[in-house]
C-alpha atoms as a PDB file:
ATOM      1  CA  UNK A   1       0.000   0.000   0.000  1.00  0.00           C
ATOM      2  CA  UNK A   2       1.128   3.507  -0.788  1.00  0.00           C
ATOM      3  CA  UNK A   3       1.701   5.982   1.977  1.00  0.00           C
ATOM      4  CA  UNK A   4      -1.325   8.093   2.806  1.00  0.00           C
ATOM      5  CA  UNK A   5       0.712  11.241   2.178  1.00  0.00           C
ATOM      6  CA  UNK A   6       1.369  10.166  -1.421  1.00  0.00           C
ATOM      7  CA  UNK A   7      -2.324   9.503  -2.024  1.00  0.00           C
ATOM      8  CA  UNK A   8      -3.211  12.870  -0.483  1.00  0.00           C
ATOM      9  CA  UNK A   9      -0.627  14.613  -2.668  1.00  0.00           C
ATOM     10  CA  UNK A  10      -2.218  13.150  -5.806  1.00  0.00           C
ATOM     11  CA  UNK A  11      -5.675  14.302  -4.673  1.00  0.00           C
ATOM     12  CA  UNK A  12      -4.301  17.793  -4.030  1.00  0.00           C
ATOM     13  CA  UNK A  13      -2.723  17.873  -7.504  1.00  0.00           C
ATOM     14  CA  UNK A  14      -5.998  16.784  -9.101  1.00  0.00           C
ATOM     15  CA  UNK A  15      -7.854  19.628  -7.369  1.00  0.00           C
ATOM     16  CA  UNK A  16      -5.294  22.158  -8.628  1.00  0.00           C
ATOM     17  CA  UNK A  17      -5.535  20.797 -12.182  1.00  0.00           C
ATOM     18  CA  UNK A  18      -9.327  21.116 -12.093  1.00  0.00           C
ATOM     19  CA  UNK A  19      -9.163  24.608 -10.605  1.00  0.00           C
ATOM     20  CA  UNK A  20      -6.758  26.040 -13.198  1.00  0.00           C
ATOM     21  CA  UNK A  21      -7.833  24.037 -16.289  1.00  0.00           C
ATOM     22  CA  UNK A  22      -9.920  26.818 -17.828  1.00  0.00           C
ATOM     23  CA  UNK A  23      -7.342  29.535 -17.115  1.00  0.00           C
ATOM     24  CA  UNK A  24      -4.528  27.328 -18.436  1.00  0.00           C
ATOM     25  CA  UNK A  25      -6.428  26.640 -21.684  1.00  0.00           C
ATOM     26  CA  UNK A  26      -7.126  30.354 -22.188  1.00  0.00           C
ATOM     27  CA  UNK A  27      -3.501  31.355 -21.595  1.00  0.00           C
ATOM     28  CA  UNK A  28      -2.292  28.609 -23.914  1.00  0.00           C
ATOM     29  CA  UNK A  29      -4.661  29.730 -26.697  1.00  0.00           C
ATOM     30  CA  UNK A  30      -3.395  33.309 -26.354  1.00  0.00           C
ATOM     31  CA  UNK A  31       0.213  32.144 -26.396  1.00  0.00           C
ATOM     32  CA  UNK A  32       0.891  33.843 -23.071  1.00  0.00           C
ATOM     33  CA  UNK A  33       3.720  31.633 -21.838  1.00  0.00           C
ATOM     34  CA  UNK A  34       4.761  34.096 -19.140  1.00  0.00           C
ATOM     35  CA  UNK A  35       1.262  33.849 -17.658  1.00  0.00           C
ATOM     36  CA  UNK A  36       1.433  30.054 -17.889  1.00  0.00           C
ATOM     37  CA  UNK A  37       4.730  30.011 -16.023  1.00  0.00           C
ATOM     38  CA  UNK A  38       3.138  31.978 -13.167  1.00  0.00           C
ATOM     39  CA  UNK A  39       0.543  29.258 -12.522  1.00  0.00           C
ATOM     40  CA  UNK A  40       1.363  26.686  -9.826  1.00  0.00           C
ATOM     41  CA  UNK A  41       3.479  23.799 -11.068  1.00  0.00           C
ATOM     42  CA  UNK A  42       1.080  21.192  -9.757  1.00  0.00           C
ATOM     43  CA  UNK A  43      -1.747  22.699 -11.813  1.00  0.00           C
ATOM     44  CA  UNK A  44      -0.195  21.116 -14.913  1.00  0.00           C
ATOM     45  CA  UNK A  45      -2.031  17.865 -15.800  1.00  0.00           C
ATOM     46  CA  UNK A  46       1.273  16.280 -16.854  1.00  0.00           C
ATOM     47  CA  UNK A  47       2.249  16.058 -13.195  1.00  0.00           C
ATOM     48  CA  UNK A  48      -0.679  13.742 -12.359  1.00  0.00           C
ATOM     49  CA  UNK A  49       0.101  10.063 -11.930  1.00  0.00           C
ATOM     50  CA  UNK A  50      -2.417   7.231 -12.164  1.00  0.00           C
ATOM     51  CA  UNK A  51      -2.730   5.188  -8.986  1.00  0.00           C
ATOM     52  CA  UNK A  52      -4.650   2.053  -8.031  1.00  0.00           C
ATOM     53  CA  UNK A  53      -7.961   3.010  -6.419  1.00  0.00           C
ATOM     54  CA  UNK A  54      -7.601   0.398  -3.665  1.00  0.00           C
ATOM     55  CA  UNK A  55      -3.900   0.221  -2.832  1.00  0.00           C
ATOM     56  CA  UNK A  56      -2.493   3.455  -4.283  1.00  0.00           C
ATOM     57  CA  UNK A  57       0.190   1.557  -6.210  1.00  0.00           C
ATOM     58  CA  UNK A  58       1.589   3.822  -8.972  1.00  0.00           C
ATOM     59  CA  UNK A  59       3.079   1.146 -11.227  1.00  0.00           C
ATOM     60  CA  UNK A  60       1.326  -1.581 -13.190  1.00  0.00           C
ATOM     61  CA  UNK A  61      -1.843   0.508 -13.439  1.00  0.00           C
ATOM     62  CA  UNK A  62      -4.641  -0.784 -15.678  1.00  0.00           C
ATOM     63  CA  UNK A  63      -6.498   2.260 -16.955  1.00  0.00           C
ATOM     64  CA  UNK A  64      -9.651   0.376 -17.992  1.00  0.00           C
ATOM     65  CA  UNK A  65     -10.270  -0.836 -14.434  1.00  0.00           C
ATOM     66  CA  UNK A  66      -8.474   1.768 -12.319  1.00  0.00           C
ATOM     67  CA  UNK A  67      -6.552  -0.981 -10.499  1.00  0.00           C
ATOM     68  CA  UNK A  68      -2.970  -2.186 -10.325  1.00  0.00           C
ATOM     69  CA  UNK A  69      -2.164  -5.481 -12.025  1.00  0.00           C
ATOM     70  CA  UNK A  70      -1.785  -7.259  -8.680  1.00  0.00           C
ATOM     71  CA  UNK A  71      -5.124  -6.084  -7.302  1.00  0.00           C
ATOM     72  CA  UNK A  72      -6.778  -6.843 -10.632  1.00  0.00           C
ATOM     73  CA  UNK A  73      -5.459 -10.412 -10.606  1.00  0.00           C
ATOM     74  CA  UNK A  74      -6.614 -11.045  -7.044  1.00  0.00           C
ATOM     75  CA  UNK A  75     -10.090  -9.655  -7.730  1.00  0.00           C
ATOM     76  CA  UNK A  76     -10.402 -11.567 -11.013  1.00  0.00           C
ATOM     77  CA  UNK A  77      -9.478 -14.829  -9.283  1.00  0.00           C
ATOM     78  CA  UNK A  78     -12.140 -14.217  -6.640  1.00  0.00           C
ATOM     79  CA  UNK A  79     -14.720 -13.327  -9.322  1.00  0.00           C
ATOM     80  CA  UNK A  80     -15.225  -9.778  -8.045  1.00  0.00           C
ATOM     81  CA  UNK A  81     -14.882  -8.100 -11.456  1.00  0.00           C
ATOM     82  CA  UNK A  82     -17.976  -8.569 -13.661  1.00  0.00           C
ATOM     83  CA  UNK A  83     -17.234 -10.153 -17.037  1.00  0.00           C
ATOM     84  CA  UNK A  84     -13.691 -11.210 -16.141  1.00  0.00           C
ATOM     85  CA  UNK A  85     -12.683 -14.833 -15.595  1.00  0.00           C
ATOM     86  CA  UNK A  86      -9.245 -16.137 -14.959  1.00  0.00           C
ATOM     87  CA  UNK A  87      -8.235 -18.376 -17.831  1.00  0.00           C
ATOM     88  CA  UNK A  88      -6.996 -21.901 -17.164  1.00  0.00           C
ATOM     89  CA  UNK A  89      -6.178 -24.538 -19.738  1.00  0.00           C
END
């Protein structure tokens, strides 16, 4: 599991991205790069990182399900994900 501080940091970044999205788009359309540089760094959507919704793991993230590969495998084996079955042959 990820540290709670790392999860909280990602949430904080997401809020900043949402808050400044409109202003950032307007400045970008005008070509005002000085104005863009004055915005907070964490308001840039590039700085966001996908994390597993359950564990907070940043690597091995499956975008379609919002889970890490490990959590996905465990849930699929237990039959907790609708439409997914673990293959065996």
